[in-house]
Amino acid sequence: MPPPLDHERLRIACLEVARCIAWRGNPVDEVLARSFAEILAKEAVFHEEFLVGQGRDPNIITWAVSYLAHAHAFPPSGTDLAWFREGLAVLIELCCPNSAGRKEDERLYLEIEAGIASAREDYAA
């Protein structure tokens, strides 16, 4: 049985996304950032039931949100949830496929693996 979703860590990751989006060289309005983070968290928990149903760790959601904060959350993203919703869905699908794999996608899978190996070089010794 997978562990439970750590909702507090998810909220922290969502706050990180909200702060990254809100930053424009000025101090971030914490009230607005926290409000938007709650909206993001509600969006994110949509994937919890699916992951648990697949026997996977629902904390994948938090790790994916944290990745989005680091790699994709920039001020131009704004408060439109579409980029967040779609980006999170893609990451969840890559971690826990909901559709059958296809031979036609093998080149993409190899490039994703190469990209991950390259990213790991930044922190692995």
N, C-alpha and C. Protein backbone atom coordinates (compact mmCIF):
# COMPACT_ATOMS: atom_id res chain seq x y z
N MET A 1 0.84 -1.18 0.00
CA MET A 1 0.00 0.00 0.00
C MET A 1 0.89 1.25 0.00
N PRO A 2 0.59 2.19 -0.88
CA PRO A 2 1.41 3.40 -0.94
C PRO A 2 1.23 4.28 0.30
N PRO A 3 2.21 5.11 0.59
CA PRO A 3 2.08 6.03 1.72
C PRO A 3 1.02 7.09 1.41
N PRO A 4 0.52 7.77 2.43
CA PRO A 4 -0.46 8.83 2.17
C PRO A 4 0.21 10.06 1.56
N LEU A 5 -0.58 10.86 0.89
CA LEU A 5 -0.11 12.12 0.35
C LEU A 5 0.17 13.08 1.51
N ASP A 6 1.34 13.65 1.50
CA ASP A 6 1.71 14.64 2.52
C ASP A 6 1.17 15.99 2.04
N HIS A 7 -0.01 16.34 2.49
CA HIS A 7 -0.68 17.55 2.04
C HIS A 7 0.09 18.83 2.40
N GLU A 8 0.78 18.80 3.53
CA GLU A 8 1.55 19.99 3.92
C GLU A 8 2.72 20.21 2.95
N ARG A 9 3.41 19.17 2.61
CA ARG A 9 4.51 19.31 1.64
C ARG A 9 3.98 19.74 0.28
N LEU A 10 2.81 19.24 -0.09
CA LEU A 10 2.20 19.66 -1.36
C LEU A 10 1.88 21.15 -1.32
N ARG A 11 1.32 21.63 -0.22
CA ARG A 11 1.03 23.06 -0.08
C ARG A 11 2.31 23.90 -0.19
N ILE A 12 3.39 23.41 0.40
CA ILE A 12 4.67 24.13 0.33
C ILE A 12 5.16 24.18 -1.12
N ALA A 13 5.05 23.08 -1.84
CA ALA A 13 5.47 23.05 -3.24
C ALA A 13 4.61 23.98 -4.08
N CYS A 14 3.31 24.01 -3.81
CA CYS A 14 2.41 24.91 -4.54
C CYS A 14 2.73 26.36 -4.22
N LEU A 15 3.10 26.64 -2.99
CA LEU A 15 3.49 28.00 -2.61
C LEU A 15 4.76 28.41 -3.36
N GLU A 16 5.66 27.46 -3.54
CA GLU A 16 6.87 27.72 -4.32
C GLU A 16 6.52 28.12 -5.76
N VAL A 17 5.58 27.40 -6.36
CA VAL A 17 5.12 27.74 -7.71
C VAL A 17 4.52 29.15 -7.71
N ALA A 18 3.63 29.41 -6.77
CA ALA A 18 2.96 30.72 -6.70
C ALA A 18 3.96 31.85 -6.53
N ARG A 19 4.95 31.65 -5.69
CA ARG A 19 5.97 32.69 -5.47
C ARG A 19 6.80 32.92 -6.73
N CYS A 20 7.14 31.85 -7.44
CA CYS A 20 7.93 31.99 -8.67
C CYS A 20 7.15 32.77 -9.72
N ILE A 21 5.86 32.50 -9.81
CA ILE A 21 5.03 33.20 -10.79
C ILE A 21 4.87 34.67 -10.42
N ALA A 22 4.77 34.94 -9.14
CA ALA A 22 4.50 36.31 -8.68
C ALA A 22 5.75 37.19 -8.64
N TRP A 23 6.93 36.58 -8.64
CA TRP A 23 8.15 37.36 -8.50
C TRP A 23 8.41 38.18 -9.77
N ARG A 24 8.62 39.45 -9.59
CA ARG A 24 8.92 40.35 -10.71
C ARG A 24 9.97 41.38 -10.27
N GLY A 25 10.89 40.96 -9.43
CA GLY A 25 11.90 41.88 -8.94
C GLY A 25 11.44 42.67 -7.74
N ASN A 26 10.22 42.46 -7.32
CA ASN A 26 9.66 43.13 -6.14
C ASN A 26 9.31 42.05 -5.11
N PRO A 27 9.15 42.44 -3.87
CA PRO A 27 8.71 41.45 -2.89
C PRO A 27 7.37 40.83 -3.31
N VAL A 28 7.25 39.55 -3.09
CA VAL A 28 6.03 38.82 -3.43
C VAL A 28 4.97 39.10 -2.38
N ASP A 29 3.77 39.39 -2.80
CA ASP A 29 2.64 39.57 -1.89
C ASP A 29 2.27 38.19 -1.35
N GLU A 30 2.61 37.94 -0.09
CA GLU A 30 2.41 36.62 0.52
C GLU A 30 0.94 36.23 0.59
N VAL A 31 0.06 37.16 0.82
CA VAL A 31 -1.37 36.84 0.90
C VAL A 31 -1.85 36.31 -0.45
N LEU A 32 -1.47 36.99 -1.52
CA LEU A 32 -1.86 36.54 -2.85
C LEU A 32 -1.19 35.21 -3.21
N ALA A 33 0.09 35.08 -2.88
CA ALA A 33 0.81 33.85 -3.18
C ALA A 33 0.17 32.66 -2.46
N ARG A 34 -0.17 32.84 -1.19
CA ARG A 34 -0.77 31.74 -0.43
C ARG A 34 -2.17 31.40 -0.96
N SER A 35 -2.90 32.40 -1.37
CA SER A 35 -4.22 32.17 -1.94
C SER A 35 -4.12 31.37 -3.24
N PHE A 36 -3.19 31.77 -4.10
CA PHE A 36 -3.01 31.06 -5.37
C PHE A 36 -2.46 29.66 -5.13
N ALA A 37 -1.61 29.50 -4.12
CA ALA A 37 -1.07 28.18 -3.80
C ALA A 37 -2.18 27.21 -3.40
N GLU A 38 -3.19 27.69 -2.69
CA GLU A 38 -4.32 26.84 -2.32
C GLU A 38 -5.09 26.38 -3.56
N ILE A 39 -5.23 27.26 -4.53
CA ILE A 39 -5.89 26.89 -5.79
C ILE A 39 -5.06 25.83 -6.51
N LEU A 40 -3.75 26.01 -6.54
CA LEU A 40 -2.88 25.03 -7.19
C LEU A 40 -2.96 23.68 -6.48
N ALA A 41 -2.99 23.70 -5.16
CA ALA A 41 -3.06 22.44 -4.40
C ALA A 41 -4.35 21.69 -4.70
N LYS A 42 -5.46 22.42 -4.83
CA LYS A 42 -6.73 21.77 -5.17
C LYS A 42 -6.66 21.14 -6.55
N GLU A 43 -5.99 21.81 -7.48
CA GLU A 43 -5.79 21.25 -8.82
C GLU A 43 -4.93 19.99 -8.74
N ALA A 44 -3.88 20.05 -7.96
CA ALA A 44 -2.91 18.96 -7.89
C ALA A 44 -3.48 17.68 -7.29
N VAL A 45 -4.30 17.80 -6.25
CA VAL A 45 -4.82 16.59 -5.59
C VAL A 45 -5.77 15.80 -6.49
N PHE A 46 -6.14 16.38 -7.61
CA PHE A 46 -6.96 15.66 -8.59
C PHE A 46 -6.31 14.32 -8.96
N HIS A 47 -4.99 14.24 -8.96
CA HIS A 47 -4.26 13.05 -9.39
C HIS A 47 -4.07 12.01 -8.28
N GLU A 48 -4.41 12.36 -7.06
CA GLU A 48 -4.16 11.47 -5.93
C GLU A 48 -4.87 10.12 -6.08
N GLU A 49 -6.13 10.14 -6.36
CA GLU A 49 -6.91 8.89 -6.45
C GLU A 49 -6.35 7.98 -7.54
N PHE A 50 -6.00 8.57 -8.68
CA PHE A 50 -5.44 7.76 -9.77
C PHE A 50 -4.15 7.08 -9.33
N LEU A 51 -3.22 7.85 -8.75
CA LEU A 51 -1.94 7.27 -8.35
C LEU A 51 -2.10 6.18 -7.31
N VAL A 52 -2.91 6.45 -6.30
CA VAL A 52 -3.15 5.45 -5.26
C VAL A 52 -3.80 4.20 -5.86
N GLY A 53 -4.73 4.42 -6.77
CA GLY A 53 -5.40 3.30 -7.44
C GLY A 53 -4.44 2.44 -8.26
N GLN A 54 -3.35 3.03 -8.69
CA GLN A 54 -2.33 2.29 -9.44
C GLN A 54 -1.24 1.72 -8.52
N GLY A 55 -1.44 1.92 -7.21
CA GLY A 55 -0.47 1.42 -6.25
C GLY A 55 0.80 2.26 -6.19
N ARG A 56 0.72 3.49 -6.66
CA ARG A 56 1.88 4.38 -6.72
C ARG A 56 1.83 5.39 -5.58
N ASP A 57 2.97 5.93 -5.27
CA ASP A 57 3.10 6.91 -4.19
C ASP A 57 2.45 8.22 -4.63
N PRO A 58 1.40 8.68 -3.95
CA PRO A 58 0.75 9.93 -4.36
C PRO A 58 1.63 11.16 -4.18
N ASN A 59 2.75 11.00 -3.46
CA ASN A 59 3.67 12.12 -3.29
C ASN A 59 4.41 12.46 -4.58
N ILE A 60 4.23 11.63 -5.60
CA ILE A 60 4.70 11.96 -6.94
C ILE A 60 4.15 13.33 -7.32
N ILE A 61 2.94 13.62 -6.89
CA ILE A 61 2.31 14.91 -7.19
C ILE A 61 3.18 16.05 -6.65
N THR A 62 3.59 15.93 -5.41
CA THR A 62 4.40 16.98 -4.78
C THR A 62 5.73 17.12 -5.49
N TRP A 63 6.36 16.01 -5.83
CA TRP A 63 7.65 16.06 -6.52
C TRP A 63 7.50 16.72 -7.88
N ALA A 64 6.40 16.42 -8.56
CA ALA A 64 6.15 17.02 -9.88
C ALA A 64 5.89 18.52 -9.75
N VAL A 65 5.12 18.91 -8.74
CA VAL A 65 4.85 20.34 -8.53
C VAL A 65 6.15 21.07 -8.21
N SER A 66 7.00 20.49 -7.39
CA SER A 66 8.28 21.10 -7.07
C SER A 66 9.14 21.24 -8.32
N TYR A 67 9.12 20.24 -9.18
CA TYR A 67 9.85 20.31 -10.46
C TYR A 67 9.30 21.45 -11.32
N LEU A 68 7.99 21.56 -11.38
CA LEU A 68 7.38 22.65 -12.15
C LEU A 68 7.81 24.01 -11.61
N ALA A 69 7.88 24.14 -10.29
CA ALA A 69 8.30 25.41 -9.69
C ALA A 69 9.71 25.75 -10.13
N HIS A 70 10.58 24.76 -10.13
CA HIS A 70 11.98 24.98 -10.47
C HIS A 70 12.20 25.22 -11.96
N ALA A 71 11.49 24.48 -12.80
CA ALA A 71 11.80 24.48 -14.23
C ALA A 71 10.82 25.24 -15.12
N HIS A 72 9.60 25.49 -14.65
CA HIS A 72 8.59 26.04 -15.55
C HIS A 72 7.77 27.20 -15.02
N ALA A 73 7.88 27.52 -13.76
CA ALA A 73 7.05 28.58 -13.18
C ALA A 73 7.78 29.92 -13.27
N PHE A 74 7.36 30.73 -14.20
CA PHE A 74 7.96 32.05 -14.41
C PHE A 74 6.85 33.08 -14.43
N PRO A 75 7.17 34.33 -14.12
CA PRO A 75 6.14 35.38 -14.07
C PRO A 75 5.21 35.42 -15.29
N PRO A 76 5.70 35.21 -16.52
CA PRO A 76 4.75 35.26 -17.64
C PRO A 76 3.66 34.19 -17.58
N SER A 77 3.88 33.13 -16.77
CA SER A 77 2.86 32.08 -16.65
C SER A 77 1.55 32.64 -16.11
N GLY A 78 1.66 33.59 -15.23
CA GLY A 78 0.47 34.22 -14.67
C GLY A 78 -0.39 33.24 -13.88
N THR A 79 -1.59 33.65 -13.61
CA THR A 79 -2.49 32.82 -12.80
C THR A 79 -3.40 31.93 -13.63
N ASP A 80 -3.15 31.85 -14.93
CA ASP A 80 -3.88 30.92 -15.78
C ASP A 80 -3.45 29.51 -15.38
N LEU A 81 -4.38 28.69 -14.97
CA LEU A 81 -4.05 27.36 -14.47
C LEU A 81 -3.74 26.36 -15.57
N ALA A 82 -3.99 26.70 -16.82
CA ALA A 82 -3.84 25.73 -17.91
C ALA A 82 -2.42 25.17 -17.97
N TRP A 83 -1.40 26.01 -17.91
CA TRP A 83 -0.02 25.52 -18.01
C TRP A 83 0.30 24.58 -16.85
N PHE A 84 -0.17 24.91 -15.65
CA PHE A 84 0.08 24.09 -14.47
C PHE A 84 -0.65 22.75 -14.60
N ARG A 85 -1.90 22.80 -14.93
CA ARG A 85 -2.73 21.60 -15.06
C ARG A 85 -2.14 20.66 -16.11
N GLU A 86 -1.80 21.21 -17.27
CA GLU A 86 -1.28 20.39 -18.36
C GLU A 86 0.12 19.86 -18.06
N GLY A 87 0.98 20.72 -17.50
CA GLY A 87 2.32 20.28 -17.16
C GLY A 87 2.31 19.18 -16.11
N LEU A 88 1.47 19.33 -15.11
CA LEU A 88 1.36 18.32 -14.07
C LEU A 88 0.82 17.01 -14.63
N ALA A 89 -0.16 17.10 -15.51
CA ALA A 89 -0.74 15.90 -16.12
C ALA A 89 0.31 15.14 -16.93
N VAL A 90 1.15 15.85 -17.66
CA VAL A 90 2.20 15.20 -18.44
C VAL A 90 3.19 14.50 -17.51
N LEU A 91 3.61 15.17 -16.46
CA LEU A 91 4.56 14.56 -15.54
C LEU A 91 3.97 13.33 -14.86
N ILE A 92 2.71 13.42 -14.46
CA ILE A 92 2.04 12.26 -13.83
C ILE A 92 1.97 11.11 -14.83
N GLU A 93 1.64 11.40 -16.07
CA GLU A 93 1.55 10.36 -17.11
C GLU A 93 2.91 9.70 -17.35
N LEU A 94 3.98 10.49 -17.34
CA LEU A 94 5.30 9.92 -17.53
C LEU A 94 5.69 9.01 -16.35
N CYS A 95 5.29 9.40 -15.14
CA CYS A 95 5.61 8.61 -13.95
C CYS A 95 4.73 7.38 -13.81
N CYS A 96 3.50 7.51 -14.23
CA CYS A 96 2.52 6.43 -14.04
C CYS A 96 1.62 6.39 -15.27
N PRO A 97 2.08 5.75 -16.35
CA PRO A 97 1.31 5.77 -17.60
C PRO A 97 -0.12 5.25 -17.43
N ASN A 98 -1.01 6.00 -18.03
CA ASN A 98 -2.43 5.64 -18.02
C ASN A 98 -2.85 5.08 -19.38
N SER A 99 -1.92 5.06 -20.30
CA SER A 99 -2.20 4.51 -21.63
C SER A 99 -1.08 3.55 -21.99
N ALA A 100 -1.37 2.66 -22.91
CA ALA A 100 -0.38 1.66 -23.31
C ALA A 100 0.79 2.32 -24.02
N GLY A 101 1.98 1.83 -23.74
CA GLY A 101 3.16 2.31 -24.44
C GLY A 101 3.12 1.86 -25.89
N ARG A 102 3.75 2.64 -26.75
CA ARG A 102 3.78 2.30 -28.18
C ARG A 102 5.22 2.28 -28.67
N LYS A 103 5.48 1.34 -29.55
CA LYS A 103 6.81 1.25 -30.15
C LYS A 103 7.17 2.56 -30.85
N GLU A 104 6.19 3.24 -31.40
CA GLU A 104 6.42 4.50 -32.11
C GLU A 104 6.97 5.59 -31.19
N ASP A 105 6.81 5.43 -29.91
CA ASP A 105 7.28 6.43 -28.94
C ASP A 105 8.66 6.13 -28.39
N GLU A 106 9.26 5.04 -28.82
CA GLU A 106 10.54 4.62 -28.25
C GLU A 106 11.61 5.69 -28.38
N ARG A 107 11.71 6.37 -29.51
CA ARG A 107 12.74 7.42 -29.65
C ARG A 107 12.52 8.53 -28.62
N LEU A 108 11.27 8.88 -28.40
CA LEU A 108 10.98 9.91 -27.38
C LEU A 108 11.38 9.41 -26.00
N TYR A 109 11.04 8.16 -25.68
CA TYR A 109 11.41 7.61 -24.38
C TYR A 109 12.93 7.64 -24.19
N LEU A 110 13.67 7.30 -25.23
CA LEU A 110 15.13 7.32 -25.14
C LEU A 110 15.65 8.74 -24.90
N GLU A 111 15.05 9.73 -25.54
CA GLU A 111 15.46 11.11 -25.34
C GLU A 111 15.11 11.61 -23.94
N ILE A 112 13.96 11.18 -23.44
CA ILE A 112 13.58 11.53 -22.06
C ILE A 112 14.60 10.92 -21.09
N GLU A 113 14.96 9.67 -21.31
CA GLU A 113 15.96 9.02 -20.46
C GLU A 113 17.30 9.74 -20.54
N ALA A 114 17.71 10.17 -21.75
CA ALA A 114 18.96 10.90 -21.92
C ALA A 114 18.89 12.24 -21.19
N GLY A 115 17.76 12.91 -21.27
CA GLY A 115 17.59 14.18 -20.58
C GLY A 115 17.67 14.01 -19.07
N ILE A 116 17.07 12.96 -18.57
CA ILE A 116 17.12 12.69 -17.13
C ILE A 116 18.56 12.39 -16.70
N ALA A 117 19.27 11.60 -17.50
CA ALA A 117 20.67 11.30 -17.19
C ALA A 117 21.49 12.58 -17.16
N SER A 118 21.25 13.47 -18.10
CA SER A 118 21.96 14.74 -18.14
C SER A 118 21.65 15.59 -16.90
N ALA A 119 20.38 15.64 -16.51
CA ALA A 119 19.98 16.40 -15.33
C ALA A 119 20.64 15.82 -14.07
N ARG A 120 20.74 14.51 -14.00
CA ARG A 120 21.35 13.89 -12.83
C ARG A 120 22.82 14.23 -12.70
N GLU A 121 23.48 14.50 -13.82
CA GLU A 121 24.90 14.87 -13.77
C GLU A 121 25.11 16.17 -12.99
N ASP A 122 24.07 16.99 -12.88
CA ASP A 122 24.19 18.24 -12.15
C ASP A 122 24.32 18.05 -10.64
N TYR A 123 23.87 16.92 -10.13
CA TYR A 123 23.91 16.72 -8.69
C TYR A 123 24.53 15.38 -8.26
N ALA A 124 24.67 14.44 -9.15
CA ALA A 124 25.23 13.13 -8.79
C ALA A 124 26.75 13.17 -8.98
N ALA A 125 27.40 12.52 -8.09
CA ALA A 125 28.87 12.50 -8.16
C ALA A 125 29.36 11.25 -8.85
